[in-house]
């Protein structure tokens, strides 16, 4: 195995570990252990302003998630996708709600070289969560 192959494998593992930490945190009602950069930006349909107005900063992101934990039941990660530069991972997952409905998400994480989430975009139809 060449050094480049090893570095690629290590980086994919790093990206996947960050994403897995996020989804595990969602399932357990606490994403505070996620390696969010202090200036992280989050776009998500259920935030004030929707996906068009990003939440800015770790505290704002953690506060947003603290407000939705009560509605979440479980999370099932389905697949992982990486960009060629290995700066971004997209994760397809199902987020089960306590109402029995499911959010089918494709969440995208841009992660710095030191393993911190600097941008996150959550893509899903929010109607099952708002009905």
Protein backbone atom coordinates (compact mmCIF):
# COMPACT_ATOMS: atom_id res chain seq x y z
CA UNK A 1 0.00 0.00 0.00
CA UNK A 2 1.45 3.34 -1.01
CA UNK A 3 1.65 6.29 1.33
CA UNK A 4 -0.95 8.13 -0.76
CA UNK A 5 -3.35 5.19 -0.44
CA UNK A 6 -2.77 5.14 3.31
CA UNK A 7 -3.37 8.88 3.58
CA UNK A 8 -6.57 8.56 1.54
CA UNK A 9 -7.78 5.74 3.75
CA UNK A 10 -6.91 7.70 6.91
CA UNK A 11 -8.73 10.80 5.66
CA UNK A 12 -11.83 8.82 4.69
CA UNK A 13 -11.78 7.24 8.15
CA UNK A 14 -11.51 10.73 9.70
CA UNK A 15 -14.41 12.10 7.66
CA UNK A 16 -16.55 9.07 8.42
CA UNK A 17 -15.72 9.21 12.15
CA UNK A 18 -16.86 12.84 12.32
CA UNK A 19 -20.11 12.06 10.49
CA UNK A 20 -20.73 8.94 12.60
CA UNK A 21 -20.19 11.01 15.74
CA UNK A 22 -22.85 13.43 14.55
CA UNK A 23 -25.45 10.76 13.79
CA UNK A 24 -24.67 8.93 17.03
CA UNK A 25 -25.13 12.22 18.87
CA UNK A 26 -28.49 12.76 17.17
CA UNK A 27 -29.62 9.28 18.18
CA UNK A 28 -28.48 9.85 21.78
CA UNK A 29 -29.75 13.42 22.11
CA UNK A 30 -26.37 15.15 22.40
CA UNK A 31 -24.16 16.38 19.55
CA UNK A 32 -21.88 18.41 21.84
CA UNK A 33 -19.02 15.92 21.27
CA UNK A 34 -19.07 16.57 17.51
CA UNK A 35 -15.89 18.36 16.43
CA UNK A 36 -17.58 21.58 15.36
CA UNK A 37 -15.31 24.49 14.51
CA UNK A 38 -16.11 27.58 16.60
CA UNK A 39 -17.22 29.35 13.39
CA UNK A 40 -19.16 26.45 11.86
CA UNK A 41 -22.05 27.27 9.53
CA UNK A 42 -25.18 25.09 9.48
CA UNK A 43 -27.92 25.19 6.86
CA UNK A 44 -30.99 23.16 7.72
CA UNK A 45 -34.66 23.45 6.74
CA UNK A 46 -35.97 23.51 10.32
CA UNK A 47 -33.79 26.40 11.55
CA UNK A 48 -35.15 29.94 11.73
CA UNK A 49 -34.74 31.26 8.20
CA UNK A 50 -34.60 27.74 6.78
CA UNK A 51 -31.76 26.56 4.58
CA UNK A 52 -31.25 30.02 3.09
CA UNK A 53 -30.02 31.58 6.33
CA UNK A 54 -27.22 29.58 7.95
CA UNK A 55 -26.74 29.35 11.68
CA UNK A 56 -23.27 30.66 12.50
CA UNK A 57 -21.06 29.42 15.31
CA UNK A 58 -20.77 26.31 17.46
CA UNK A 59 -23.03 27.65 20.22
CA UNK A 60 -25.85 28.44 17.77
CA UNK A 61 -25.56 24.99 16.17
CA UNK A 62 -25.62 23.17 19.52
CA UNK A 63 -28.56 25.30 20.65
CA UNK A 64 -30.50 24.41 17.51
CA UNK A 65 -29.97 20.69 18.00
CA UNK A 66 -30.85 20.90 21.71
CA UNK A 67 -34.24 22.19 20.59
CA UNK A 68 -35.05 19.16 18.41
CA UNK A 69 -33.82 16.18 20.46
CA UNK A 70 -37.25 15.61 22.04
CA UNK A 71 -38.72 14.89 18.58
CA UNK A 72 -36.07 12.32 17.57
CA UNK A 73 -36.37 8.59 18.07
CA UNK A 74 -33.51 6.86 16.24
CA UNK A 75 -31.08 7.21 13.35
CA UNK A 76 -30.07 4.72 10.68
CA UNK A 77 -27.04 5.57 8.53
CA UNK A 78 -27.42 4.12 5.05
CA UNK A 79 -24.38 5.19 3.00
CA UNK A 80 -21.38 7.52 2.74
CA UNK A 81 -20.14 9.54 -0.22
CA UNK A 82 -16.82 11.45 -0.45
CA UNK A 83 -15.74 14.20 -2.80
CA UNK A 84 -12.50 13.73 -4.76
CA UNK A 85 -10.54 16.19 -2.60
CA UNK A 86 -11.64 14.40 0.61
CA UNK A 87 -12.80 17.66 2.15
CA UNK A 88 -16.48 16.72 2.21
CA UNK A 89 -18.59 13.73 3.16
CA UNK A 90 -22.27 13.30 2.37
CA UNK A 91 -24.21 10.81 4.44
CA UNK A 92 -27.56 9.32 3.50
CA UNK A 93 -29.53 8.44 6.64
CA UNK A 94 -33.04 7.98 7.98
CA UNK A 95 -33.91 9.95 11.08
CA UNK A 96 -36.90 8.42 12.82
CA UNK A 97 -39.21 10.77 14.65
CA UNK A 98 -41.22 9.95 17.77
CA UNK A 99 -44.34 10.49 15.66
CA UNK A 100 -43.39 7.42 13.63
CA UNK A 101 -42.49 9.49 10.58
CA UNK A 102 -39.06 9.45 8.95
CA UNK A 103 -36.82 12.23 7.69
CA UNK A 104 -34.81 10.89 4.76
CA UNK A 105 -31.69 13.00 4.96
CA UNK A 106 -28.60 13.63 2.88
CA UNK A 107 -26.35 15.61 5.21
CA UNK A 108 -23.17 17.18 3.85
CA UNK A 109 -20.20 17.98 6.09
CA UNK A 110 -17.18 20.04 4.98
CA UNK A 111 -14.37 19.11 7.33
CA UNK A 112 -11.07 20.91 7.88
CA UNK A 113 -7.70 19.16 7.69
CA UNK A 114 -7.66 18.96 11.50
CA UNK A 115 -11.01 17.14 11.55
CA UNK A 116 -13.43 19.93 12.47
CA UNK A 117 -16.80 20.52 10.82
CA UNK A 118 -16.63 23.96 9.22
CA UNK A 119 -19.84 23.71 7.20
CA UNK A 120 -22.85 21.43 7.45
CA UNK A 121 -25.86 21.32 5.15
CA UNK A 122 -28.80 19.14 6.10
CA UNK A 123 -30.98 18.21 3.13
CA UNK A 124 -34.43 16.74 3.78
CA UNK A 125 -38.10 17.40 3.30
CA UNK A 126 -39.13 18.97 6.64
CA UNK A 127 -42.87 18.28 6.24
CA UNK A 128 -42.85 15.03 8.25
CA UNK A 129 -41.39 16.99 11.18
CA UNK A 130 -43.86 19.86 10.95
CA UNK A 131 -47.13 18.03 10.29
